[in-house]
Amino acid sequence: MMISGLVQILLFQSLGELVSKLLLPTLPGPVIGLVMLVGWLVIRKGINTELAMVADGFSQYLGLLFVPAAVGVVLFLPQLKANALAIISALVASVILTIGSSALVVRFLSKKASHE
């Protein structure tokens, strides 16, 4: 049962890789595949149970994926200290932009849902 959900995720990742190699080499394939998957789910107006089960399973162990990144951060600690102001500024600006754009999307979608 979970195989179907995993196949769906891998299918969209593969399609994203294909589009990345052939049409949009500057964008990562998994990102393109994720956007395609979201678009497909919007068109279908819902998530099937198999895909939801796989997504829930992945999200339970998502924290493990950050362990290698944390090790990499420790290795580059001197460079991070040297560029701390630029890094902090970029992080604060990206958080503000993310919150603002999320608010605009929620406002747009809530207006759209109230008209229907």
PDB file of N, CA and C in Angstrom:
ATOM      1  N   MET A   1       0.834  -1.199   0.000  1.00  0.00           N
ATOM      2  CA  MET A   1       0.000   0.000   0.000  1.00  0.00           C
ATOM      3  C   MET A   1       0.870   1.252   0.000  1.00  0.00           C
ATOM      4  N   MET A   2       1.954   1.251   0.779  1.00  0.00           N
ATOM      5  CA  MET A   2       2.835   2.414   0.797  1.00  0.00           C
ATOM      6  C   MET A   2       3.701   2.470  -0.456  1.00  0.00           C
ATOM      7  N   ILE A   3       3.810   1.350  -1.164  1.00  0.00           N
ATOM      8  CA  ILE A   3       4.620   1.313  -2.382  1.00  0.00           C
ATOM      9  C   ILE A   3       4.047   2.288  -3.407  1.00  0.00           C
ATOM     10  N   SER A   4       2.743   2.367  -3.511  1.00  0.00           N
ATOM     11  CA  SER A   4       2.108   3.268  -4.467  1.00  0.00           C
ATOM     12  C   SER A   4       2.465   4.720  -4.173  1.00  0.00           C
ATOM     13  N   GLY A   5       2.454   5.116  -2.927  1.00  0.00           N
ATOM     14  CA  GLY A   5       2.814   6.480  -2.553  1.00  0.00           C
ATOM     15  C   GLY A   5       4.275   6.767  -2.827  1.00  0.00           C
ATOM     16  N   LEU A   6       5.144   5.793  -2.545  1.00  0.00           N
ATOM     17  CA  LEU A   6       6.566   5.964  -2.807  1.00  0.00           C
ATOM     18  C   LEU A   6       6.832   6.061  -4.311  1.00  0.00           C
ATOM     19  N   VAL A   7       6.117   5.266  -5.089  1.00  0.00           N
ATOM     20  CA  VAL A   7       6.259   5.322  -6.545  1.00  0.00           C
ATOM     21  C   VAL A   7       5.834   6.695  -7.063  1.00  0.00           C
ATOM     22  N   GLN A   8       4.768   7.259  -6.504  1.00  0.00           N
ATOM     23  CA  GLN A   8       4.330   8.587  -6.929  1.00  0.00           C
ATOM     24  C   GLN A   8       5.401   9.635  -6.653  1.00  0.00           C
ATOM     25  N   ILE A   9       5.998   9.584  -5.475  1.00  0.00           N
ATOM     26  CA  ILE A   9       7.049  10.550  -5.130  1.00  0.00           C
ATOM     27  C   ILE A   9       8.253  10.382  -6.047  1.00  0.00           C
ATOM     28  N   LEU A  10       8.686   9.147  -6.260  1.00  0.00           N
ATOM     29  CA  LEU A  10       9.839   8.898  -7.113  1.00  0.00           C
ATOM     30  C   LEU A  10       9.556   9.236  -8.577  1.00  0.00           C
ATOM     31  N   LEU A  11       8.319   9.048  -9.015  1.00  0.00           N
ATOM     32  CA  LEU A  11       7.932   9.405 -10.377  1.00  0.00           C
ATOM     33  C   LEU A  11       8.074  10.908 -10.603  1.00  0.00           C
ATOM     34  N   PHE A  12       7.551  11.700  -9.666  1.00  0.00           N
ATOM     35  CA  PHE A  12       7.633  13.142  -9.825  1.00  0.00           C
ATOM     36  C   PHE A  12       9.071  13.633  -9.672  1.00  0.00           C
ATOM     37  N   GLN A  13       9.857  13.004  -8.816  1.00  0.00           N
ATOM     38  CA  GLN A  13      11.265  13.384  -8.721  1.00  0.00           C
ATOM     39  C   GLN A  13      11.982  13.069 -10.025  1.00  0.00           C
ATOM     40  N   SER A  14      11.689  11.917 -10.614  1.00  0.00           N
ATOM     41  CA  SER A  14      12.318  11.546 -11.886  1.00  0.00           C
ATOM     42  C   SER A  14      11.895  12.496 -13.002  1.00  0.00           C
ATOM     43  N   LEU A  15      10.623  12.851 -13.038  1.00  0.00           N
ATOM     44  CA  LEU A  15      10.159  13.820 -14.033  1.00  0.00           C
ATOM     45  C   LEU A  15      10.840  15.169 -13.841  1.00  0.00           C
ATOM     46  N   GLY A  16      11.017  15.564 -12.590  1.00  0.00           N
ATOM     47  CA  GLY A  16      11.710  16.808 -12.304  1.00  0.00           C
ATOM     48  C   GLY A  16      13.159  16.760 -12.760  1.00  0.00           C
ATOM     49  N   GLU A  17      13.821  15.637 -12.544  1.00  0.00           N
ATOM     50  CA  GLU A  17      15.204  15.484 -13.007  1.00  0.00           C
ATOM     51  C   GLU A  17      15.273  15.563 -14.531  1.00  0.00           C
ATOM     52  N   LEU A  18      14.313  14.950 -15.184  1.00  0.00           N
ATOM     53  CA  LEU A  18      14.269  14.978 -16.646  1.00  0.00           C
ATOM     54  C   LEU A  18      14.078  16.403 -17.160  1.00  0.00           C
ATOM     55  N   VAL A  19      13.134  17.124 -16.572  1.00  0.00           N
ATOM     56  CA  VAL A  19      12.899  18.512 -16.966  1.00  0.00           C
ATOM     57  C   VAL A  19      14.135  19.352 -16.673  1.00  0.00           C
ATOM     58  N   SER A  20      14.784  19.098 -15.554  1.00  0.00           N
ATOM     59  CA  SER A  20      15.992  19.844 -15.194  1.00  0.00           C
ATOM     60  C   SER A  20      17.112  19.611 -16.202  1.00  0.00           C
ATOM     61  N   LYS A  21      17.300  18.385 -16.606  1.00  0.00           N
ATOM     62  CA  LYS A  21      18.376  18.073 -17.554  1.00  0.00           C
ATOM     63  C   LYS A  21      18.085  18.620 -18.945  1.00  0.00           C
ATOM     64  N   LEU A  22      16.823  18.572 -19.372  1.00  0.00           N
ATOM     65  CA  LEU A  22      16.491  18.947 -20.744  1.00  0.00           C
ATOM     66  C   LEU A  22      16.121  20.416 -20.912  1.00  0.00           C
ATOM     67  N   LEU A  23      15.402  20.991 -19.956  1.00  0.00           N
ATOM     68  CA  LEU A  23      14.838  22.325 -20.162  1.00  0.00           C
ATOM     69  C   LEU A  23      15.354  23.397 -19.207  1.00  0.00           C
ATOM     70  N   LEU A  24      15.486  23.067 -17.935  1.00  0.00           N
ATOM     71  CA  LEU A  24      15.846  24.064 -16.922  1.00  0.00           C
ATOM     72  C   LEU A  24      17.065  23.606 -16.126  1.00  0.00           C
ATOM     73  N   PRO A  25      18.247  23.669 -16.719  1.00  0.00           N
ATOM     74  CA  PRO A  25      19.426  23.124 -16.021  1.00  0.00           C
ATOM     75  C   PRO A  25      19.835  23.910 -14.778  1.00  0.00           C
ATOM     76  N   THR A  26      19.317  25.117 -14.599  1.00  0.00           N
ATOM     77  CA  THR A  26      19.707  25.894 -13.422  1.00  0.00           C
ATOM     78  C   THR A  26      18.909  25.525 -12.180  1.00  0.00           C
ATOM     79  N   LEU A  27      17.784  24.848 -12.351  1.00  0.00           N
ATOM     80  CA  LEU A  27      16.956  24.448 -11.213  1.00  0.00           C
ATOM     81  C   LEU A  27      17.201  22.979 -10.879  1.00  0.00           C
ATOM     82  N   PRO A  28      17.253  22.643  -9.583  1.00  0.00           N
ATOM     83  CA  PRO A  28      17.431  21.236  -9.198  1.00  0.00           C
ATOM     84  C   PRO A  28      16.203  20.398  -9.568  1.00  0.00           C
ATOM     85  N   GLY A  29      16.457  19.193 -10.024  1.00  0.00           N
ATOM     86  CA  GLY A  29      15.382  18.288 -10.423  1.00  0.00           C
ATOM     87  C   GLY A  29      14.373  17.986  -9.324  1.00  0.00           C
ATOM     88  N   PRO A  30      14.825  17.709  -8.082  1.00  0.00           N
ATOM     89  CA  PRO A  30      13.853  17.435  -7.029  1.00  0.00           C
ATOM     90  C   PRO A  30      12.922  18.622  -6.740  1.00  0.00           C
ATOM     91  N   VAL A  31      13.432  19.835  -6.888  1.00  0.00           N
ATOM     92  CA  VAL A  31      12.576  21.012  -6.670  1.00  0.00           C
ATOM     93  C   VAL A  31      11.512  21.093  -7.762  1.00  0.00           C
ATOM     94  N   ILE A  32      11.921  20.874  -9.007  1.00  0.00           N
ATOM     95  CA  ILE A  32      10.953  20.882 -10.112  1.00  0.00           C
ATOM     96  C   ILE A  32       9.930  19.775  -9.908  1.00  0.00           C
ATOM     97  N   GLY A  33      10.394  18.595  -9.506  1.00  0.00           N
ATOM     98  CA  GLY A  33       9.478  17.488  -9.256  1.00  0.00           C
ATOM     99  C   GLY A  33       8.501  17.787  -8.138  1.00  0.00           C
ATOM    100  N   LEU A  34       8.974  18.463  -7.085  1.00  0.00           N
ATOM    101  CA  LEU A  34       8.094  18.824  -5.977  1.00  0.00           C
ATOM    102  C   LEU A  34       7.018  19.800  -6.438  1.00  0.00           C
ATOM    103  N   VAL A  35       7.405  20.774  -7.256  1.00  0.00           N
ATOM    104  CA  VAL A  35       6.424  21.735  -7.777  1.00  0.00           C
ATOM    105  C   VAL A  35       5.414  21.017  -8.670  1.00  0.00           C
ATOM    106  N   MET A  36       5.891  20.076  -9.468  1.00  0.00           N
ATOM    107  CA  MET A  36       4.982  19.301 -10.316  1.00  0.00           C
ATOM    108  C   MET A  36       4.025  18.462  -9.465  1.00  0.00           C
ATOM    109  N   LEU A  37       4.533  17.860  -8.395  1.00  0.00           N
ATOM    110  CA  LEU A  37       3.692  17.063  -7.499  1.00  0.00           C
ATOM    111  C   LEU A  37       2.627  17.927  -6.839  1.00  0.00           C
ATOM    112  N   VAL A  38       3.023  19.105  -6.367  1.00  0.00           N
ATOM    113  CA  VAL A  38       2.049  20.012  -5.744  1.00  0.00           C
ATOM    114  C   VAL A  38       0.988  20.427  -6.762  1.00  0.00           C
ATOM    115  N   GLY A  39       1.429  20.738  -7.981  1.00  0.00           N
ATOM    116  CA  GLY A  39       0.463  21.090  -9.030  1.00  0.00           C
ATOM    117  C   GLY A  39      -0.503  19.956  -9.322  1.00  0.00           C
ATOM    118  N   TRP A  40       0.025  18.727  -9.377  1.00  0.00           N
ATOM    119  CA  TRP A  40      -0.829  17.563  -9.625  1.00  0.00           C
ATOM    120  C   TRP A  40      -1.833  17.371  -8.487  1.00  0.00           C
ATOM    121  N   LEU A  41      -1.391  17.580  -7.252  1.00  0.00           N
ATOM    122  CA  LEU A  41      -2.296  17.437  -6.106  1.00  0.00           C
ATOM    123  C   LEU A  41      -3.360  18.535  -6.096  1.00  0.00           C
ATOM    124  N   VAL A  42      -2.996  19.737  -6.542  1.00  0.00           N
ATOM    125  CA  VAL A  42      -3.980  20.820  -6.627  1.00  0.00           C
ATOM    126  C   VAL A  42      -5.025  20.490  -7.684  1.00  0.00           C
ATOM    127  N   ILE A  43      -4.572  19.960  -8.821  1.00  0.00           N
ATOM    128  CA  ILE A  43      -5.511  19.586  -9.882  1.00  0.00           C
ATOM    129  C   ILE A  43      -6.445  18.478  -9.398  1.00  0.00           C
ATOM    130  N   ARG A  44      -5.909  17.510  -8.653  1.00  0.00           N
ATOM    131  CA  ARG A  44      -6.727  16.408  -8.131  1.00  0.00           C
ATOM    132  C   ARG A  44      -7.572  16.818  -6.935  1.00  0.00           C
ATOM    133  N   LYS A  45      -7.240  17.982  -6.343  1.00  0.00           N
ATOM    134  CA  LYS A  45      -7.949  18.525  -5.180  1.00  0.00           C
ATOM    135  C   LYS A  45      -7.884  17.596  -3.976  1.00  0.00           C
ATOM    136  N   GLY A  46      -6.704  17.042  -3.733  1.00  0.00           N
ATOM    137  CA  GLY A  46      -6.542  16.215  -2.541  1.00  0.00           C
ATOM    138  C   GLY A  46      -5.364  15.277  -2.647  1.00  0.00           C
ATOM    139  N   ILE A  47      -5.047  14.677  -1.507  1.00  0.00           N
ATOM    140  CA  ILE A  47      -3.936  13.728  -1.416  1.00  0.00           C
ATOM    141  C   ILE A  47      -4.523  12.353  -1.156  1.00  0.00           C
ATOM    142  N   ASN A  48      -4.077  11.359  -1.923  1.00  0.00           N
ATOM    143  CA  ASN A  48      -4.586  10.014  -1.664  1.00  0.00           C
ATOM    144  C   ASN A  48      -3.905   9.437  -0.419  1.00  0.00           C
ATOM    145  N   THR A  49      -4.486   8.421   0.146  1.00  0.00           N
ATOM    146  CA  THR A  49      -4.026   7.900   1.433  1.00  0.00           C
ATOM    147  C   THR A  49      -2.627   7.304   1.359  1.00  0.00           C
ATOM    148  N   GLU A  50      -2.287   6.659   0.221  1.00  0.00           N
ATOM    149  CA  GLU A  50      -0.963   6.057   0.100  1.00  0.00           C
ATOM    150  C   GLU A  50       0.129   7.122   0.154  1.00  0.00           C
ATOM    151  N   LEU A  51      -0.078   8.215  -0.567  1.00  0.00           N
ATOM    152  CA  LEU A  51       0.895   9.299  -0.581  1.00  0.00           C
ATOM    153  C   LEU A  51       0.978   9.966   0.789  1.00  0.00           C
ATOM    154  N   ALA A  52      -0.135  10.121   1.453  1.00  0.00           N
ATOM    155  CA  ALA A  52      -0.146  10.722   2.789  1.00  0.00           C
ATOM    156  C   ALA A  52       0.610   9.852   3.786  1.00  0.00           C
ATOM    157  N   MET A  53       0.461   8.532   3.684  1.00  0.00           N
ATOM    158  CA  MET A  53       1.170   7.632   4.590  1.00  0.00           C
ATOM    159  C   MET A  53       2.678   7.725   4.404  1.00  0.00           C
ATOM    160  N   VAL A  54       3.133   7.771   3.149  1.00  0.00           N
ATOM    161  CA  VAL A  54       4.570   7.874   2.876  1.00  0.00           C
ATOM    162  C   VAL A  54       5.100   9.223   3.357  1.00  0.00           C
ATOM    163  N   ALA A  55       4.360  10.286   3.096  1.00  0.00           N
ATOM    164  CA  ALA A  55       4.788  11.621   3.535  1.00  0.00           C
ATOM    165  C   ALA A  55       4.868  11.694   5.057  1.00  0.00           C
ATOM    166  N   ASP A  56       3.914  11.112   5.748  1.00  0.00           N
ATOM    167  CA  ASP A  56       3.956  11.088   7.214  1.00  0.00           C
ATOM    168  C   ASP A  56       5.158  10.285   7.714  1.00  0.00           C
ATOM    169  N   GLY A  57       5.430   9.183   7.051  1.00  0.00           N
ATOM    170  CA  GLY A  57       6.588   8.371   7.430  1.00  0.00           C
ATOM    171  C   GLY A  57       7.893   9.117   7.242  1.00  0.00           C
ATOM    172  N   PHE A  58       8.022   9.829   6.126  1.00  0.00           N
ATOM    173  CA  PHE A  58       9.237  10.622   5.895  1.00  0.00           C
ATOM    174  C   PHE A  58       9.365  11.752   6.895  1.00  0.00           C
ATOM    175  N   SER A  59       8.274  12.410   7.198  1.00  0.00           N
ATOM    176  CA  SER A  59       8.349  13.581   8.079  1.00  0.00           C
ATOM    177  C   SER A  59       8.726  13.198   9.512  1.00  0.00           C
ATOM    178  N   GLN A  60       8.452  11.957   9.926  1.00  0.00           N
ATOM    179  CA  GLN A  60       8.842  11.523  11.259  1.00  0.00           C
ATOM    180  C   GLN A  60      10.358  11.480  11.417  1.00  0.00           C
ATOM    181  N   TYR A  61      11.075  11.206  10.325  1.00  0.00           N
ATOM    182  CA  TYR A  61      12.527  11.055  10.385  1.00  0.00           C
ATOM    183  C   TYR A  61      13.263  12.186   9.671  1.00  0.00           C
ATOM    184  N   LEU A  62      12.580  13.276   9.422  1.00  0.00           N
ATOM    185  CA  LEU A  62      13.174  14.399   8.710  1.00  0.00           C
ATOM    186  C   LEU A  62      14.356  14.992   9.465  1.00  0.00           C
ATOM    187  N   GLY A  63      14.303  14.976  10.778  1.00  0.00           N
ATOM    188  CA  GLY A  63      15.391  15.526  11.575  1.00  0.00           C
ATOM    189  C   GLY A  63      16.725  14.845  11.334  1.00  0.00           C
ATOM    190  N   LEU A  64      16.710  13.570  10.993  1.00  0.00           N
ATOM    191  CA  LEU A  64      17.957  12.853  10.730  1.00  0.00           C
ATOM    192  C   LEU A  64      18.688  13.409   9.513  1.00  0.00           C
ATOM    193  N   LEU A  65      17.950  13.999   8.592  1.00  0.00           N
ATOM    194  CA  LEU A  65      18.584  14.542   7.396  1.00  0.00           C
ATOM    195  C   LEU A  65      19.420  15.785   7.695  1.00  0.00           C
ATOM    196  N   PHE A  66      19.211  16.406   8.848  1.00  0.00           N
ATOM    197  CA  PHE A  66      19.951  17.610   9.188  1.00  0.00           C
ATOM    198  C   PHE A  66      21.264  17.311   9.907  1.00  0.00           C
ATOM    199  N   VAL A  67      21.520  16.066  10.279  1.00  0.00           N
ATOM    200  CA  VAL A  67      22.760  15.721  10.972  1.00  0.00           C
ATOM    201  C   VAL A  67      23.980  15.971  10.085  1.00  0.00           C
ATOM    202  N   PRO A  68      24.009  15.505   8.842  1.00  0.00           N
ATOM    203  CA  PRO A  68      25.189  15.813   8.005  1.00  0.00           C
ATOM    204  C   PRO A  68      25.376  17.320   7.787  1.00  0.00           C
ATOM    205  N   ALA A  69      24.296  18.049   7.660  1.00  0.00           N
ATOM    206  CA  ALA A  69      24.405  19.496   7.481  1.00  0.00           C
ATOM    207  C   ALA A  69      25.008  20.147   8.726  1.00  0.00           C
ATOM    208  N   ALA A  70      24.633  19.673   9.889  1.00  0.00           N
ATOM    209  CA  ALA A  70      25.176  20.232  11.128  1.00  0.00           C
ATOM    210  C   ALA A  70      26.667  19.945  11.244  1.00  0.00           C
ATOM    211  N   VAL A  71      27.097  18.778  10.812  1.00  0.00           N
ATOM    212  CA  VAL A  71      28.524  18.453  10.822  1.00  0.00           C
ATOM    213  C   VAL A  71      29.266  19.388   9.862  1.00  0.00           C
ATOM    214  N   GLY A  72      28.683  19.654   8.716  1.00  0.00           N
ATOM    215  CA  GLY A  72      29.287  20.579   7.768  1.00  0.00           C
ATOM    216  C   GLY A  72      29.407  21.981   8.327  1.00  0.00           C
ATOM    217  N   VAL A  73      28.406  22.412   9.086  1.00  0.00           N
ATOM    218  CA  VAL A  73      28.457  23.734   9.693  1.00  0.00           C
ATOM    219  C   VAL A  73      29.618  23.822  10.678  1.00  0.00           C
ATOM    220  N   VAL A  74      29.818  22.794  11.454  1.00  0.00           N
ATOM    221  CA  VAL A  74      30.912  22.792  12.434  1.00  0.00           C
ATOM    222  C   VAL A  74      32.263  22.851  11.724  1.00  0.00           C
ATOM    223  N   LEU A  75      32.387  22.200  10.585  1.00  0.00           N
ATOM    224  CA  LEU A  75      33.652  22.207   9.848  1.00  0.00           C
ATOM    225  C   LEU A  75      34.000  23.608   9.326  1.00  0.00           C
ATOM    226  N   PHE A  76      32.979  24.396   8.993  1.00  0.00           N
ATOM    227  CA  PHE A  76      33.204  25.721   8.437  1.00  0.00           C
ATOM    228  C   PHE A  76      32.964  26.831   9.463  1.00  0.00           C
ATOM    229  N   LEU A  77      33.119  26.528  10.733  1.00  0.00           N
ATOM    230  CA  LEU A  77      32.867  27.511  11.787  1.00  0.00           C
ATOM    231  C   LEU A  77      33.733  28.773  11.669  1.00  0.00           C
ATOM    232  N   PRO A  78      35.014  28.682  11.335  1.00  0.00           N
ATOM    233  CA  PRO A  78      35.799  29.922  11.191  1.00  0.00           C
ATOM    234  C   PRO A  78      35.262  30.847  10.088  1.00  0.00           C
ATOM    235  N   GLN A  79      34.867  30.268   8.948  1.00  0.00           N
ATOM    236  CA  GLN A  79      34.304  31.090   7.871  1.00  0.00           C
ATOM    237  C   GLN A  79      32.961  31.684   8.276  1.00  0.00           C
ATOM    238  N   LEU A  80      32.186  30.925   9.040  1.00  0.00           N
ATOM    239  CA  LEU A  80      30.898  31.438   9.506  1.00  0.00           C
ATOM    240  C   LEU A  80      31.088  32.606  10.467  1.00  0.00           C
ATOM    241  N   LYS A  81      32.073  32.492  11.342  1.00  0.00           N
ATOM    242  CA  LYS A  81      32.349  33.594  12.272  1.00  0.00           C
ATOM    243  C   LYS A  81      32.805  34.844  11.524  1.00  0.00           C
ATOM    244  N   ALA A  82      33.620  34.669  10.488  1.00  0.00           N
ATOM    245  CA  ALA A  82      34.123  35.807   9.720  1.00  0.00           C
ATOM    246  C   ALA A  82      33.004  36.524   8.963  1.00  0.00           C
ATOM    247  N   ASN A  83      31.966  35.805   8.569  1.00  0.00           N
ATOM    248  CA  ASN A  83      30.871  36.383   7.792  1.00  0.00           C
ATOM    249  C   ASN A  83      29.565  36.392   8.570  1.00  0.00           C
ATOM    250  N   ALA A  84      29.643  36.472   9.881  1.00  0.00           N
ATOM    251  CA  ALA A  84      28.458  36.366  10.733  1.00  0.00           C
ATOM    252  C   ALA A  84      27.419  37.448  10.430  1.00  0.00           C
ATOM    253  N   LEU A  85      27.833  38.682  10.245  1.00  0.00           N
ATOM    254  CA  LEU A  85      26.875  39.764   9.999  1.00  0.00           C
ATOM    255  C   LEU A  85      26.099  39.536   8.701  1.00  0.00           C
ATOM    256  N   ALA A  86      26.786  39.162   7.646  1.00  0.00           N
ATOM    257  CA  ALA A  86      26.114  38.910   6.363  1.00  0.00           C
ATOM    258  C   ALA A  86      25.158  37.724   6.478  1.00  0.00           C
ATOM    259  N   ILE A  87      25.574  36.676   7.171  1.00  0.00           N
ATOM    260  CA  ILE A  87      24.736  35.489   7.317  1.00  0.00           C
ATOM    261  C   ILE A  87      23.490  35.807   8.138  1.00  0.00           C
ATOM    262  N   ILE A  88      23.663  36.512   9.243  1.00  0.00           N
ATOM    263  CA  ILE A  88      22.520  36.868  10.091  1.00  0.00           C
ATOM    264  C   ILE A  88      21.562  37.782   9.337  1.00  0.00           C
ATOM    265  N   SER A  89      22.100  38.733   8.584  1.00  0.00           N
ATOM    266  CA  SER A  89      21.250  39.638   7.798  1.00  0.00           C
ATOM    267  C   SER A  89      20.444  38.869   6.761  1.00  0.00           C
ATOM    268  N   ALA A  90      21.090  37.940   6.080  1.00  0.00           N
ATOM    269  CA  ALA A  90      20.391  37.139   5.076  1.00  0.00           C
ATOM    270  C   ALA A  90      19.318  36.267   5.714  1.00  0.00           C
ATOM    271  N   LEU A  91      19.610  35.689   6.861  1.00  0.00           N
ATOM    272  CA  LEU A  91      18.620  34.850   7.540  1.00  0.00           C
ATOM    273  C   LEU A  91      17.412  35.658   8.000  1.00  0.00           C
ATOM    274  N   VAL A  92      17.670  36.817   8.590  1.00  0.00           N
ATOM    275  CA  VAL A  92      16.558  37.664   9.068  1.00  0.00           C
ATOM    276  C   VAL A  92      15.718  38.128   7.885  1.00  0.00           C
ATOM    277  N   ALA A  93      16.369  38.576   6.811  1.00  0.00           N
ATOM    278  CA  ALA A  93      15.624  39.039   5.637  1.00  0.00           C
ATOM    279  C   ALA A  93      14.804  37.908   5.019  1.00  0.00           C
ATOM    280  N   SER A  94      15.366  36.709   4.942  1.00  0.00           N
ATOM    281  CA  SER A  94      14.622  35.599   4.343  1.00  0.00           C
ATOM    282  C   SER A  94      13.446  35.181   5.212  1.00  0.00           C
ATOM    283  N   VAL A  95      13.591  35.251   6.527  1.00  0.00           N
ATOM    284  CA  VAL A  95      12.469  34.920   7.412  1.00  0.00           C
ATOM    285  C   VAL A  95      11.348  35.934   7.238  1.00  0.00           C
ATOM    286  N   ILE A  96      11.703  37.208   7.176  1.00  0.00           N
ATOM    287  CA  ILE A  96      10.697  38.255   6.993  1.00  0.00           C
ATOM    288  C   ILE A  96       9.988  38.084   5.652  1.00  0.00           C
ATOM    289  N   LEU A  97      10.745  37.825   4.594  1.00  0.00           N
ATOM    290  CA  LEU A  97      10.128  37.624   3.273  1.00  0.00           C
ATOM    291  C   LEU A  97       9.249  36.374   3.242  1.00  0.00           C
ATOM    292  N   THR A  98       9.681  35.326   3.909  1.00  0.00           N
ATOM    293  CA  THR A  98       8.890  34.094   3.946  1.00  0.00           C
ATOM    294  C   THR A  98       7.572  34.306   4.680  1.00  0.00           C
ATOM    295  N   ILE A  99       7.632  34.958   5.820  1.00  0.00           N
ATOM    296  CA  ILE A  99       6.405  35.217   6.585  1.00  0.00           C
ATOM    297  C   ILE A  99       5.471  36.126   5.791  1.00  0.00           C
ATOM    298  N   GLY A 100       6.030  37.155   5.170  1.00  0.00           N
ATOM    299  CA  GLY A 100       5.209  38.075   4.387  1.00  0.00           C
ATOM    300  C   GLY A 100       4.566  37.404   3.191  1.00  0.00           C
ATOM    301  N   SER A 101       5.341  36.635   2.441  1.00  0.00           N
ATOM    302  CA  SER A 101       4.769  35.969   1.268  1.00  0.00           C
ATOM    303  C   SER A 101       3.766  34.893   1.674  1.00  0.00           C
ATOM    304  N   SER A 102       4.013  34.205   2.777  1.00  0.00           N
ATOM    305  CA  SER A 102       3.040  33.213   3.270  1.00  0.00           C
ATOM    306  C   SER A 102       1.735  33.889   3.658  1.00  0.00           C
ATOM    307  N   ALA A 103       1.824  35.045   4.298  1.00  0.00           N
ATOM    308  CA  ALA A 103       0.619  35.779   4.669  1.00  0.00           C
ATOM    309  C   ALA A 103      -0.163  36.200   3.435  1.00  0.00           C
ATOM    310  N   LEU A 104       0.530  36.654   2.402  1.00  0.00           N
ATOM    311  CA  LEU A 104      -0.152  37.055   1.169  1.00  0.00           C
ATOM    312  C   LEU A 104      -0.836  35.862   0.495  1.00  0.00           C
ATOM    313  N   VAL A 105      -0.169  34.715   0.483  1.00  0.00           N
ATOM    314  CA  VAL A 105      -0.769  33.518  -0.119  1.00  0.00           C
ATOM    315  C   VAL A 105      -1.996  33.080   0.672  1.00  0.00           C
ATOM    316  N   VAL A 106      -1.901  33.088   2.000  1.00  0.00           N
ATOM    317  CA  VAL A 106      -3.045  32.700   2.835  1.00  0.00           C
ATOM    318  C   VAL A 106      -4.207  33.668   2.618  1.00  0.00           C
ATOM    319  N   ARG A 107      -3.917  34.953   2.554  1.00  0.00           N
ATOM    320  CA  ARG A 107      -4.968  35.948   2.318  1.00  0.00           C
ATOM    321  C   ARG A 107      -5.628  35.714   0.969  1.00  0.00           C
ATOM    322  N   PHE A 108      -4.817  35.456  -0.064  1.00  0.00           N
ATOM    323  CA  PHE A 108      -5.352  35.209  -1.402  1.00  0.00           C
ATOM    324  C   PHE A 108      -6.223  33.960  -1.416  1.00  0.00           C
ATOM    325  N   LEU A 109      -5.739  32.888  -0.812  1.00  0.00           N
ATOM    326  CA  LEU A 109      -6.495  31.634  -0.810  1.00  0.00           C
ATOM    327  C   LEU A 109      -7.752  31.725   0.048  1.00  0.00           C
ATOM    328  N   SER A 110      -7.702  32.465   1.144  1.00  0.00           N
ATOM    329  CA  SER A 110      -8.899  32.589   1.982  1.00  0.00           C
ATOM    330  C   SER A 110      -9.961  33.428   1.285  1.00  0.00           C
ATOM    331  N   LYS A 111      -9.572  34.451   0.528  1.00  0.00           N
ATOM    332  CA  LYS A 111     -10.543  35.216  -0.247  1.00  0.00           C
ATOM    333  C   LYS A 111     -11.152  34.358  -1.343  1.00  0.00           C
ATOM    334  N   LYS A 112     -10.310  33.556  -1.974  1.00  0.00           N
ATOM    335  CA  LYS A 112     -10.780  32.668  -3.042  1.00  0.00           C
ATOM    336  C   LYS A 112     -11.747  31.625  -2.481  1.00  0.00           C
ATOM    337  N   ALA A 113     -11.457  31.087  -1.298  1.00  0.00           N
ATOM    338  CA  ALA A 113     -12.315  30.063  -0.699  1.00  0.00           C
ATOM    339  C   ALA A 113     -13.638  30.672  -0.228  1.00  0.00           C
ATOM    340  N   SER A 114     -13.628  31.923   0.216  1.00  0.00           N
ATOM    341  CA  SER A 114     -14.868  32.535   0.679  1.00  0.00           C
ATOM    342  C   SER A 114     -15.806  32.873  -0.474  1.00  0.00           C
ATOM    343  N   HIS A 115     -15.263  33.068  -1.690  1.00  0.00           N
ATOM    344  CA  HIS A 115     -16.107  33.342  -2.848  1.00  0.00           C
ATOM    345  C   HIS A 115     -16.758  32.094  -3.404  1.00  0.00           C
ATOM    346  N   GLU A 116     -16.187  30.932  -3.089  1.00  0.00           N
ATOM    347  CA  GLU A 116     -16.742  29.692  -3.646  1.00  0.00           C
ATOM    348  C   GLU A 116     -17.865  29.150  -2.856  1.00  0.00           C
TER     349      GLU A 116
END
